[in-house]
């Protein structure tokens, strides 16, 4: 029971959650700049998955059905290469259609209907621009990976200047793609400040680094949907990774950039923090109840409920993660209360189950419940404390043997 279950589809920023690789829009050509949708904060370098899907269908069905084969295929590489070969012509047709619609109100309305709504229509220029720049996205991802190996801040600042900072639309796409590969966003922000010579929002914007900061916000926002999962079989590994990634991204901005109280970036940061905190709070509130249900002996026949233990363990994993990331969240009051209560409860449950095990070490149900309690104590306290408890358990077992 010490392992918690993960059943969510493998995904990274830019991959459709739950959609297999062979069915992705544009056969994955612009995955590097795709994010989960819907989005509250819209960034000029990020394309929400529903908008990409709608525009992909429109291009394949209405713009270039003779050029584009949107049929899902397991030979993704071949489909991507085939699409890449005809995309210039398809883009020309799409831009012509969009341009004609701009000149006529009725045509614009019909185009919006074909695209599935005004929001997708509004994001059409961004998607077409991303497709035009598709070959640069791979280079941007390589830039992000290479940046991880540049340990000198001066060298990283020099590398940042290779970005087309004067072209905001292209720069936004490139920073969105690059940031998905950057392990320590704070170093990128620090290098940008070094280059600018000023840490204010106004100075960074003036010097062309607004797309970098907003790409960080975009990736932080992309972590939030992972927390929408509910139930015992939620991917808690994915939830914890999302919280940790959100923390690293937000710390990269909030620790270095001087934000005005009501500035654009401060407003975005506050909104993202509020949204993710609202998803985390209910999970924290449930931890105590889950632990008590999992570790108490039930009335009647003694048995251990695997689902209850799993839920309690998952709650402890989330609680431990939030402890390390709380500086980027707005859950201090709930966390402090839960952290204290869980510590007290686990001490009681561990001692009670250890006493029961000493009286009957051959009872497999009691042993399993004690093992679960020790694992939870390891997450709440530390590995050293858990090792002491495991040695006490082993000692009780040896005395009977």
Protein backbone atom coordinates (compact mmCIF):
# COMPACT_ATOMS: atom_id res chain seq x y z
CA UNK A 1 0.00 0.00 0.00
CA UNK A 2 3.00 2.30 0.15
CA UNK A 3 2.77 3.00 -3.58
CA UNK A 4 -0.02 5.29 -4.77
CA UNK A 5 -1.72 4.69 -8.07
CA UNK A 6 -1.20 6.81 -11.16
CA UNK A 7 -3.56 6.44 -14.12
CA UNK A 8 -3.40 9.74 -15.96
CA UNK A 9 -2.19 9.77 -19.56
CA UNK A 10 1.42 10.84 -19.93
CA UNK A 11 1.54 14.47 -20.96
CA UNK A 12 3.74 17.53 -21.07
CA UNK A 13 2.90 21.13 -21.74
CA UNK A 14 1.63 21.10 -25.29
CA UNK A 15 0.25 17.56 -25.31
CA UNK A 16 -3.48 17.01 -25.30
CA UNK A 17 -4.41 15.35 -22.02
CA UNK A 18 -6.16 12.07 -22.67
CA UNK A 19 -5.68 12.31 -26.46
CA UNK A 20 -3.25 9.77 -27.92
CA UNK A 21 -0.26 10.98 -29.91
CA UNK A 22 -1.69 9.83 -33.23
CA UNK A 23 -4.77 12.08 -32.86
CA UNK A 24 -3.14 15.38 -31.90
CA UNK A 25 -3.92 18.57 -33.87
CA UNK A 26 -1.50 19.28 -36.72
CA UNK A 27 0.12 15.91 -35.99
CA UNK A 28 2.09 17.52 -33.18
CA UNK A 29 3.82 20.23 -35.23
CA UNK A 30 2.99 22.97 -32.72
CA UNK A 31 2.72 20.93 -29.52
CA UNK A 32 5.50 23.02 -27.97
CA UNK A 33 3.20 26.05 -27.68
CA UNK A 34 -0.04 24.30 -26.82
CA UNK A 35 -1.53 24.49 -23.32
CA UNK A 36 -4.60 23.00 -21.63
CA UNK A 37 -7.77 24.99 -22.08
CA UNK A 38 -9.74 26.94 -21.27
CA UNK A 39 -7.35 29.63 -20.09
CA UNK A 40 -8.09 32.63 -17.88
CA UNK A 41 -4.86 34.40 -18.79
CA UNK A 42 -4.26 34.49 -22.55
CA UNK A 43 -0.69 34.83 -23.75
CA UNK A 44 0.31 35.59 -27.34
CA UNK A 45 2.69 32.63 -27.37
CA UNK A 46 0.31 29.96 -26.04
CA UNK A 47 -2.48 28.17 -27.89
CA UNK A 48 -5.27 26.55 -25.88
CA UNK A 49 -5.85 22.95 -26.94
CA UNK A 50 -9.56 23.45 -27.81
CA UNK A 51 -8.69 26.34 -30.12
CA UNK A 52 -5.94 24.34 -31.83
CA UNK A 53 -8.35 21.43 -32.30
CA UNK A 54 -11.04 23.69 -33.79
CA UNK A 55 -8.64 25.38 -36.22
CA UNK A 56 -7.12 22.03 -37.21
CA UNK A 57 -10.56 20.69 -38.11
CA UNK A 58 -11.38 23.87 -40.04
CA UNK A 59 -8.18 23.74 -42.08
CA UNK A 60 -8.58 20.06 -42.91
CA UNK A 61 -12.31 20.29 -43.67
CA UNK A 62 -12.83 23.75 -45.20
CA UNK A 63 -9.49 25.22 -46.24
CA UNK A 64 -7.35 22.48 -47.72
CA UNK A 65 -9.13 19.11 -47.74
CA UNK A 66 -7.18 18.21 -50.89
CA UNK A 67 -3.87 18.83 -49.09
CA UNK A 68 -4.44 17.85 -45.46
CA UNK A 69 -5.24 14.37 -44.24
CA UNK A 70 -6.39 14.72 -40.63
CA UNK A 71 -7.14 11.03 -40.21
CA UNK A 72 -5.56 9.75 -36.97
CA UNK A 73 -2.60 7.51 -37.72
CA UNK A 74 -0.06 5.63 -35.69
CA UNK A 75 2.68 6.64 -38.13
CA UNK A 76 2.86 10.12 -36.64
CA UNK A 77 6.29 10.96 -38.04
CA UNK A 78 5.20 10.26 -41.62
CA UNK A 79 1.94 12.20 -41.18
CA UNK A 80 3.84 15.14 -39.72
CA UNK A 81 6.33 15.15 -42.59
CA UNK A 82 3.52 14.98 -45.15
CA UNK A 83 1.69 17.87 -43.49
CA UNK A 84 4.87 19.92 -43.28
CA UNK A 85 5.39 19.55 -47.02
CA UNK A 86 2.00 21.05 -47.92
CA UNK A 87 1.56 23.46 -45.05
CA UNK A 88 2.86 26.54 -46.85
CA UNK A 89 0.07 26.27 -49.43
CA UNK A 90 -2.51 25.50 -46.75
CA UNK A 91 -1.39 28.51 -44.73
CA UNK A 92 -1.68 30.75 -47.78
CA UNK A 93 -5.28 29.62 -48.28
CA UNK A 94 -6.08 30.03 -44.58
CA UNK A 95 -4.65 33.56 -44.49
CA UNK A 96 -6.56 34.49 -47.63
CA UNK A 97 -9.80 33.20 -46.17
CA UNK A 98 -9.19 34.99 -42.87
CA UNK A 99 -8.22 38.21 -44.67
CA UNK A 100 -11.37 38.16 -46.78
CA UNK A 101 -13.45 37.66 -43.64
CA UNK A 102 -11.83 40.69 -42.05
CA UNK A 103 -13.21 42.84 -44.85
CA UNK A 104 -16.79 41.61 -44.58
CA UNK A 105 -18.87 41.33 -41.43
CA UNK A 106 -21.05 38.46 -42.68
CA UNK A 107 -17.98 36.51 -43.83
CA UNK A 108 -16.40 37.05 -40.41
CA UNK A 109 -19.54 35.71 -38.74
CA UNK A 110 -19.57 32.61 -40.96
CA UNK A 111 -15.88 32.00 -40.28
CA UNK A 112 -16.46 32.24 -36.53
CA UNK A 113 -19.25 29.66 -36.86
CA UNK A 114 -16.97 27.34 -38.87
CA UNK A 115 -14.31 27.65 -36.17
CA UNK A 116 -16.77 26.89 -33.40
CA UNK A 117 -16.93 30.31 -31.78
CA UNK A 118 -15.52 33.79 -31.43
CA UNK A 119 -12.70 32.70 -29.13
CA UNK A 120 -11.20 30.31 -31.67
CA UNK A 121 -11.70 32.98 -34.35
CA UNK A 122 -9.78 35.50 -32.24
CA UNK A 123 -6.89 33.06 -31.80
CA UNK A 124 -6.70 32.11 -35.47
CA UNK A 125 -3.85 34.57 -36.28
CA UNK A 126 -1.79 33.14 -33.42
CA UNK A 127 -2.25 29.56 -34.63
CA UNK A 128 -1.36 30.50 -38.20
CA UNK A 129 1.71 32.35 -36.95
CA UNK A 130 2.78 29.33 -34.89
CA UNK A 131 2.43 27.10 -37.95
CA UNK A 132 4.49 29.55 -39.98
CA UNK A 133 7.21 29.48 -37.30
CA UNK A 134 6.96 25.73 -36.70
CA UNK A 135 10.58 25.05 -37.58
CA UNK A 136 11.74 27.59 -35.02
CA UNK A 137 9.86 25.90 -32.20
CA UNK A 138 12.19 22.90 -32.14
CA UNK A 139 15.14 25.28 -32.00
CA UNK A 140 13.49 27.14 -29.12
CA UNK A 141 13.06 23.89 -27.21
CA UNK A 142 16.72 23.12 -27.82
CA UNK A 143 17.54 26.57 -26.51
CA UNK A 144 15.61 25.82 -23.32
CA UNK A 145 17.45 22.54 -22.80
CA UNK A 146 20.79 24.18 -23.51
CA UNK A 147 20.02 26.96 -21.02
CA UNK A 148 19.87 24.37 -18.25
CA UNK A 149 23.54 23.62 -18.84
CA UNK A 150 24.67 27.27 -18.80
CA UNK A 151 25.64 27.80 -15.18
CA UNK A 152 27.18 31.23 -15.64
CA UNK A 153 24.60 34.02 -15.39
CA UNK A 154 26.56 36.23 -17.76
CA UNK A 155 26.59 33.43 -20.35
CA UNK A 156 22.85 32.90 -19.94
CA UNK A 157 22.22 36.63 -20.30
CA UNK A 158 24.22 36.59 -23.52
CA UNK A 159 22.23 33.60 -24.79
CA UNK A 160 18.96 35.39 -24.06
CA UNK A 161 19.98 38.20 -26.36
CA UNK A 162 19.96 35.74 -29.27
CA UNK A 163 16.16 35.76 -29.04
CA UNK A 164 14.35 38.16 -31.41
CA UNK A 165 13.42 40.50 -28.55
CA UNK A 166 12.27 43.25 -30.90
CA UNK A 167 9.62 40.98 -32.51
CA UNK A 168 7.14 40.35 -29.72
CA UNK A 169 4.87 37.96 -31.63
CA UNK A 170 7.71 35.62 -32.63
CA UNK A 171 9.47 36.02 -29.30
CA UNK A 172 6.31 35.02 -27.44
CA UNK A 173 6.11 31.72 -29.32
CA UNK A 174 9.80 30.99 -28.85
CA UNK A 175 9.80 31.69 -25.13
CA UNK A 176 6.67 29.57 -24.70
CA UNK A 177 8.40 26.66 -26.43
CA UNK A 178 11.69 27.17 -24.61
CA UNK A 179 10.20 27.50 -21.14
CA UNK A 180 8.71 24.03 -21.34
CA UNK A 181 12.27 22.69 -21.25
CA UNK A 182 13.73 25.03 -18.62
CA UNK A 183 14.19 23.37 -15.24
CA UNK A 184 14.97 26.53 -13.26
CA UNK A 185 12.93 29.50 -14.53
CA UNK A 186 14.42 31.80 -11.87
CA UNK A 187 17.79 31.69 -13.62
CA UNK A 188 16.20 32.89 -16.86
CA UNK A 189 14.51 35.78 -15.06
CA UNK A 190 17.71 36.70 -13.26
CA UNK A 191 19.60 36.71 -16.56
CA UNK A 192 16.94 38.93 -18.14
CA UNK A 193 17.22 41.38 -15.26
CA UNK A 194 21.00 41.37 -15.62
CA UNK A 195 20.63 42.20 -19.31
CA UNK A 196 18.05 44.90 -18.67
CA UNK A 197 19.85 46.35 -15.68
CA UNK A 198 16.50 46.83 -13.95
CA UNK A 199 14.06 44.47 -12.22
CA UNK A 200 10.87 46.47 -12.71
CA UNK A 201 7.99 45.33 -14.90
CA UNK A 202 8.26 48.48 -16.97
CA UNK A 203 11.98 48.04 -17.67
CA UNK A 204 11.70 44.36 -18.58
CA UNK A 205 8.80 45.14 -20.90
CA UNK A 206 10.71 48.01 -22.51
CA UNK A 207 13.72 45.79 -23.15
CA UNK A 208 11.69 43.02 -24.81
CA UNK A 209 11.48 40.51 -21.94
CA UNK A 210 7.73 40.66 -21.38
CA UNK A 211 7.24 37.46 -23.45
CA UNK A 212 9.68 35.63 -21.14
CA UNK A 213 7.78 36.58 -17.99
CA UNK A 214 4.39 35.92 -19.56
CA UNK A 215 5.56 32.55 -20.89
CA UNK A 216 6.42 31.65 -17.30
CA UNK A 217 2.91 32.67 -16.22
CA UNK A 218 1.47 30.66 -19.11
CA UNK A 219 3.30 27.51 -18.04
CA UNK A 220 2.26 28.09 -14.43
CA UNK A 221 -1.37 28.31 -15.56
CA UNK A 222 -0.92 25.07 -17.53
CA UNK A 223 -0.24 23.21 -14.26
CA UNK A 224 -3.64 23.99 -12.78
CA UNK A 225 -5.80 21.51 -14.78
CA UNK A 226 -3.88 18.61 -13.23
CA UNK A 227 -5.57 19.47 -9.94
CA UNK A 228 -9.06 19.13 -11.38
CA UNK A 229 -8.83 15.35 -11.02
CA UNK A 230 -11.05 13.82 -8.36
CA UNK A 231 -11.41 10.40 -6.78
CA UNK A 232 -9.16 7.74 -5.31
CA UNK A 233 -7.50 6.98 -8.62
CA UNK A 234 -6.39 10.51 -9.44
CA UNK A 235 -2.80 10.77 -10.61
CA UNK A 236 -1.33 12.14 -7.39
CA UNK A 237 2.18 11.95 -8.83
CA UNK A 238 1.02 14.30 -11.56
CA UNK A 239 -0.75 16.57 -9.07
CA UNK A 240 2.36 16.88 -6.91
CA UNK A 241 4.57 17.52 -9.94
CA UNK A 242 2.16 20.23 -11.08
CA UNK A 243 2.24 21.94 -7.68
CA UNK A 244 6.04 21.79 -7.59
CA UNK A 245 6.34 23.12 -11.14
CA UNK A 246 3.87 25.92 -10.40
CA UNK A 247 5.99 26.88 -7.41
CA UNK A 248 9.25 26.97 -9.39
CA UNK A 249 7.68 29.04 -12.14
CA UNK A 250 6.00 31.56 -9.86
CA UNK A 251 9.04 31.89 -7.60
CA UNK A 252 11.07 32.69 -10.70
CA UNK A 253 9.00 35.83 -11.18
CA UNK A 254 7.90 36.80 -7.69
CA UNK A 255 11.37 36.52 -6.14
CA UNK A 256 13.14 38.70 -8.68
CA UNK A 257 10.76 41.04 -10.50
CA UNK A 258 9.58 44.24 -8.81
CA UNK A 259 5.83 44.29 -9.40
CA UNK A 260 3.56 47.25 -8.85
CA UNK A 261 0.61 46.53 -6.59
CA UNK A 262 -1.97 46.73 -9.37
CA UNK A 263 0.28 46.11 -12.38
CA UNK A 264 -0.59 43.67 -15.14
CA UNK A 265 1.84 41.01 -13.97
CA UNK A 266 0.83 41.37 -10.34
CA UNK A 267 -2.81 40.90 -11.34
CA UNK A 268 -1.99 37.79 -13.37
CA UNK A 269 0.10 36.32 -10.55
CA UNK A 270 -2.65 36.95 -8.00
CA UNK A 271 -5.26 35.33 -10.24
CA UNK A 272 -3.18 32.20 -10.86
CA UNK A 273 -2.32 31.85 -7.19
CA UNK A 274 -5.97 32.17 -6.21
CA UNK A 275 -7.09 29.60 -8.78
CA UNK A 276 -4.60 26.89 -7.86
CA UNK A 277 -5.08 27.52 -4.13
CA UNK A 278 -8.83 27.00 -4.51
CA UNK A 279 -8.10 23.58 -5.98
CA UNK A 280 -5.61 22.63 -3.27
CA UNK A 281 -7.60 23.72 -0.20
CA UNK A 282 -10.30 21.01 -0.40
CA UNK A 283 -7.60 18.35 -0.71
CA UNK A 284 -5.93 19.61 2.46
CA UNK A 285 -9.23 19.73 4.34
CA UNK A 286 -9.88 16.06 3.50
CA UNK A 287 -6.55 14.71 4.73
CA UNK A 288 -7.49 14.33 8.40
CA UNK A 289 -10.74 12.52 7.71
CA UNK A 290 -9.07 10.18 5.22
CA UNK A 291 -6.29 9.27 7.67
CA UNK A 292 -8.73 8.56 10.48
CA UNK A 293 -10.91 6.37 8.28
CA UNK A 294 -7.94 4.46 6.92
CA UNK A 295 -6.12 3.78 10.19
CA UNK A 296 -8.98 3.10 12.60
CA UNK A 297 -10.06 -0.48 13.19
CA UNK A 298 -13.61 -0.89 11.79
CA UNK A 299 -16.51 -2.30 13.77
CA UNK A 300 -17.05 -6.01 13.36
CA UNK A 301 -14.62 -8.03 11.26
CA UNK A 302 -11.21 -6.38 11.15
CA UNK A 303 -10.16 -5.55 7.63
CA UNK A 304 -8.13 -2.92 5.85
CA UNK A 305 -9.78 -0.90 3.09
CA UNK A 306 -7.25 -0.38 0.31
CA UNK A 307 -9.17 2.54 -1.19
CA UNK A 308 -9.25 4.39 2.12
CA UNK A 309 -5.54 3.81 2.68
CA UNK A 310 -4.79 4.99 -0.84
CA UNK A 311 -6.81 8.17 -0.32
CA UNK A 312 -5.01 8.87 2.96
CA UNK A 313 -1.58 8.26 1.45
CA UNK A 314 -2.42 10.50 -1.49
CA UNK A 315 -3.49 13.23 0.90
CA UNK A 316 -0.20 12.95 2.76
CA UNK A 317 1.77 13.21 -0.49
CA UNK A 318 -0.10 16.38 -1.41
CA UNK A 319 0.32 17.79 2.11
CA UNK A 320 4.06 17.16 2.00
CA UNK A 321 4.33 18.80 -1.42
CA UNK A 322 2.36 21.86 -0.32
CA UNK A 323 4.70 22.24 2.66
CA UNK A 324 7.62 22.72 0.27
CA UNK A 325 5.68 25.00 -2.11
CA UNK A 326 3.53 27.05 0.26
CA UNK A 327 5.38 30.31 -0.49
CA UNK A 328 3.74 30.33 -3.93
CA UNK A 329 0.27 29.44 -2.66
CA UNK A 330 -2.46 31.11 -0.62
CA UNK A 331 -3.28 28.21 1.70
CA UNK A 332 -1.33 29.09 4.84
CA UNK A 333 -4.24 29.01 7.29
CA UNK A 334 -5.61 25.67 6.07
CA UNK A 335 -2.15 24.18 5.72
CA UNK A 336 -0.99 25.15 9.22
CA UNK A 337 -4.11 23.70 10.82
CA UNK A 338 -3.99 20.49 8.77
CA UNK A 339 -0.25 20.03 9.26
CA UNK A 340 -0.59 20.22 13.04
CA UNK A 341 -3.67 18.02 13.23
CA UNK A 342 -2.20 15.36 10.95
CA UNK A 343 0.98 15.22 13.03
CA UNK A 344 -0.97 14.70 16.24
CA UNK A 345 -3.31 12.15 14.70
CA UNK A 346 -0.52 10.09 13.16
CA UNK A 347 1.36 9.89 16.44
CA UNK A 348 -1.76 8.43 18.05
CA UNK A 349 -2.52 6.02 15.19
CA UNK A 350 1.06 4.80 14.93
CA UNK A 351 1.32 4.12 18.64
CA UNK A 352 -2.07 2.40 18.77
CA UNK A 353 -1.32 0.17 15.78
CA UNK A 354 2.19 -0.59 17.05
CA UNK A 355 0.76 -1.68 20.40
CA UNK A 356 -1.79 -3.90 18.61
CA UNK A 357 0.96 -5.38 16.46
CA UNK A 358 3.10 -6.18 19.52
CA UNK A 359 0.15 -8.09 20.97
CA UNK A 360 -0.55 -9.96 17.73
CA UNK A 361 2.35 -9.70 15.25
CA UNK A 362 0.99 -12.54 13.11
CA UNK A 363 -2.14 -10.58 12.23
CA UNK A 364 -1.62 -9.47 8.61
CA UNK A 365 -4.38 -6.84 8.76
CA UNK A 366 -2.79 -5.10 11.75
CA UNK A 367 0.63 -5.35 10.07
CA UNK A 368 -0.68 -3.76 6.87
CA UNK A 369 -2.39 -0.97 8.81
CA UNK A 370 0.81 -0.30 10.76
CA UNK A 371 2.87 -0.21 7.57
CA UNK A 372 0.47 2.33 6.08
CA UNK A 373 0.63 4.45 9.25
CA UNK A 374 4.43 4.41 9.18
CA UNK A 375 4.50 5.49 5.53
CA UNK A 376 2.17 8.38 6.31
CA UNK A 377 4.35 9.33 9.28
CA UNK A 378 7.37 9.34 6.98
CA UNK A 379 5.64 11.85 4.72
CA UNK A 380 4.47 14.04 7.61
CA UNK A 381 7.64 13.89 9.73
CA UNK A 382 10.78 12.47 8.12
CA UNK A 383 12.53 9.29 7.04
CA UNK A 384 14.51 9.00 10.30
CA UNK A 385 11.34 8.89 12.38
CA UNK A 386 9.85 6.28 10.06
CA UNK A 387 13.01 4.16 10.34
CA UNK A 388 12.70 4.18 14.15
CA UNK A 389 9.11 2.97 13.82
CA UNK A 390 10.10 0.25 11.35
CA UNK A 391 12.82 -0.99 13.71
CA UNK A 392 10.24 -1.14 16.52
CA UNK A 393 7.96 -3.14 14.23
CA UNK A 394 10.76 -5.54 13.27
CA UNK A 395 11.74 -5.97 16.90
CA UNK A 396 8.19 -6.95 17.85
CA UNK A 397 8.11 -9.43 14.98
CA UNK A 398 11.43 -11.01 15.97
CA UNK A 399 10.38 -11.49 19.60
CA UNK A 400 7.57 -13.75 18.47
CA UNK A 401 9.72 -15.58 15.94
